Each structure stands twice: as C-alpha cells, then as structure tokens.
C-alpha cells in the first residue's frame, strides 16, 4: 500500500526497488504492489537517461522497508518488472 514518508520513520533507510520512467508504468506498479499488500513509498526524483542524447528526466522512485525488499522483488519479477 502506498505510504507517506512519515509512516516509515526517520531511523530506517528505505531500499530503492524501481524507477518508473513513465506515468503509466508507475501507476501499473503501484497497482501490483498494493494488490500484493506491500507497503511502499513513491517519490518523484531526477535521473539521467538517454544513450546518444543524455538528459535529466523525472521518474517515480519506488522504495520499500528493508524487511520487505526480498518479497517485493519476488512479486515484481513474477509480474514482469526488473527490480533495481
């Protein structure tokens, strides 16, 4: 389920599991994680993309609690996503 940063607290460093480059992709992954009952944080952030014409872009960065990392990765792989 999508959570606010406050839900996870300040003392835990969350694990980056995926960077969605398109809105449609982000919404689909949100549905997969929510349906599976995974607590996650999604935030917009910048990344560098492109091979010939490199540029800075904005994507949806997905994070999970370290204890949920392996199960979240397994769910994503089963659904055709490649975890970060």
C-alpha atoms as a PDB file:
ATOM      1  CA  UNK A   1       0.000   0.000   0.000  1.00  0.00           C
ATOM      2  CA  UNK A   2       1.271   3.483  -0.838  1.00  0.00           C
ATOM      3  CA  UNK A   3       2.535   5.232   2.306  1.00  0.00           C
ATOM      4  CA  UNK A   4       3.780   8.669   3.308  1.00  0.00           C
ATOM      5  CA  UNK A   5       7.424   9.089   4.368  1.00  0.00           C
ATOM      6  CA  UNK A   6       6.315   9.557   7.990  1.00  0.00           C
ATOM      7  CA  UNK A   7       4.942   6.007   8.023  1.00  0.00           C
ATOM      8  CA  UNK A   8       8.462   4.561   7.757  1.00  0.00           C
ATOM      9  CA  UNK A   9      10.096   6.955  10.228  1.00  0.00           C
ATOM     10  CA  UNK A  10      13.468   8.672  10.077  1.00  0.00           C
ATOM     11  CA  UNK A  11      15.628   5.937  11.554  1.00  0.00           C
ATOM     12  CA  UNK A  12      15.173   3.462   8.697  1.00  0.00           C
ATOM     13  CA  UNK A  13      16.877   3.839   5.323  1.00  0.00           C
ATOM     14  CA  UNK A  14      14.463   2.586   2.680  1.00  0.00           C
ATOM     15  CA  UNK A  15      15.611   0.454  -0.249  1.00  0.00           C
ATOM     16  CA  UNK A  16      15.151   1.670  -3.811  1.00  0.00           C
ATOM     17  CA  UNK A  17      13.465  -1.076  -5.815  1.00  0.00           C
ATOM     18  CA  UNK A  18      12.401   0.578  -9.055  1.00  0.00           C
ATOM     19  CA  UNK A  19      12.497   3.749 -11.118  1.00  0.00           C
ATOM     20  CA  UNK A  20       9.439   4.155 -13.340  1.00  0.00           C
ATOM     21  CA  UNK A  21      10.186   6.361 -16.296  1.00  0.00           C
ATOM     22  CA  UNK A  22       6.567   6.842 -17.414  1.00  0.00           C
ATOM     23  CA  UNK A  23       3.385   7.620 -15.514  1.00  0.00           C
ATOM     24  CA  UNK A  24       1.568   4.597 -16.946  1.00  0.00           C
ATOM     25  CA  UNK A  25       4.378   2.326 -15.752  1.00  0.00           C
ATOM     26  CA  UNK A  26       4.331   3.886 -12.260  1.00  0.00           C
ATOM     27  CA  UNK A  27       0.573   3.505 -11.919  1.00  0.00           C
ATOM     28  CA  UNK A  28       0.731  -0.132 -13.015  1.00  0.00           C
ATOM     29  CA  UNK A  29       3.464  -0.926 -10.481  1.00  0.00           C
ATOM     30  CA  UNK A  30       1.505   0.840  -7.743  1.00  0.00           C
ATOM     31  CA  UNK A  31      -1.423  -1.452  -8.512  1.00  0.00           C
ATOM     32  CA  UNK A  32       0.786  -4.559  -8.378  1.00  0.00           C
ATOM     33  CA  UNK A  33       2.364  -3.616  -5.039  1.00  0.00           C
ATOM     34  CA  UNK A  34      -0.932  -2.532  -3.484  1.00  0.00           C
ATOM     35  CA  UNK A  35      -2.689  -5.719  -4.585  1.00  0.00           C
ATOM     36  CA  UNK A  36       0.147  -7.757  -3.022  1.00  0.00           C
ATOM     37  CA  UNK A  37      -0.095  -5.821   0.267  1.00  0.00           C
ATOM     38  CA  UNK A  38       3.406  -4.336   0.067  1.00  0.00           C
ATOM     39  CA  UNK A  39       3.950  -1.048   1.915  1.00  0.00           C
ATOM     40  CA  UNK A  40       5.932   1.271  -0.346  1.00  0.00           C
ATOM     41  CA  UNK A  41       6.913   4.897  -0.804  1.00  0.00           C
ATOM     42  CA  UNK A  42       6.906   6.515  -4.218  1.00  0.00           C
ATOM     43  CA  UNK A  43       8.511   9.905  -4.832  1.00  0.00           C
ATOM     44  CA  UNK A  44       9.397  11.879  -7.923  1.00  0.00           C
ATOM     45  CA  UNK A  45      13.117  12.387  -8.447  1.00  0.00           C
ATOM     46  CA  UNK A  46      15.576  13.129 -11.223  1.00  0.00           C
ATOM     47  CA  UNK A  47      17.682  10.637 -13.159  1.00  0.00           C
ATOM     48  CA  UNK A  48      19.914  10.852 -16.244  1.00  0.00           C
ATOM     49  CA  UNK A  49      18.610   8.973 -19.285  1.00  0.00           C
ATOM     50  CA  UNK A  50      19.339   8.533 -22.948  1.00  0.00           C
ATOM     51  CA  UNK A  51      22.237   6.998 -24.815  1.00  0.00           C
ATOM     52  CA  UNK A  52      23.064   9.435 -27.587  1.00  0.00           C
ATOM     53  CA  UNK A  53      21.288  12.489 -26.187  1.00  0.00           C
ATOM     54  CA  UNK A  54      21.692  12.245 -22.428  1.00  0.00           C
ATOM     55  CA  UNK A  55      19.351  14.427 -20.436  1.00  0.00           C
ATOM     56  CA  UNK A  56      17.997  14.833 -16.948  1.00  0.00           C
ATOM     57  CA  UNK A  57      14.481  13.442 -16.558  1.00  0.00           C
ATOM     58  CA  UNK A  58      11.958  12.939 -13.770  1.00  0.00           C
ATOM     59  CA  UNK A  59      10.779   9.488 -12.753  1.00  0.00           C
ATOM     60  CA  UNK A  60       8.840   7.795  -9.985  1.00  0.00           C
ATOM     61  CA  UNK A  61      11.241   6.224  -7.487  1.00  0.00           C
ATOM     62  CA  UNK A  62       9.790   3.292  -5.524  1.00  0.00           C
ATOM     63  CA  UNK A  63      11.138   2.420  -2.072  1.00  0.00           C
ATOM     64  CA  UNK A  64      10.339  -0.335   0.442  1.00  0.00           C
ATOM     65  CA  UNK A  65      11.353  -1.175   4.001  1.00  0.00           C
ATOM     66  CA  UNK A  66      14.482  -3.390   4.076  1.00  0.00           C
ATOM     67  CA  UNK A  67      12.470  -6.247   5.620  1.00  0.00           C
ATOM     68  CA  UNK A  68      10.078  -6.196   2.638  1.00  0.00           C
ATOM     69  CA  UNK A  69      12.808  -5.999  -0.005  1.00  0.00           C
ATOM     70  CA  UNK A  70      13.048  -9.669  -0.990  1.00  0.00           C
ATOM     71  CA  UNK A  71       9.295 -10.270  -1.106  1.00  0.00           C
ATOM     72  CA  UNK A  72       8.745  -7.061  -3.099  1.00  0.00           C
ATOM     73  CA  UNK A  73      11.421  -8.119  -5.602  1.00  0.00           C
ATOM     74  CA  UNK A  74       9.837 -11.561  -5.977  1.00  0.00           C
ATOM     75  CA  UNK A  75       6.414 -10.021  -6.609  1.00  0.00           C
ATOM     76  CA  UNK A  76       7.860  -7.621  -9.170  1.00  0.00           C
ATOM     77  CA  UNK A  77       9.728 -10.386 -11.007  1.00  0.00           C
ATOM     78  CA  UNK A  78       6.590 -12.512 -11.118  1.00  0.00           C
ATOM     79  CA  UNK A  79       4.721  -9.555 -12.672  1.00  0.00           C
ATOM     80  CA  UNK A  80       7.413  -8.875 -15.293  1.00  0.00           C
ATOM     81  CA  UNK A  81       9.257  -5.976 -13.642  1.00  0.00           C
ATOM     82  CA  UNK A  82      13.017  -5.901 -13.184  1.00  0.00           C
ATOM     83  CA  UNK A  83      13.827  -4.585  -9.675  1.00  0.00           C
ATOM     84  CA  UNK A  84      16.590  -2.050  -9.294  1.00  0.00           C
END
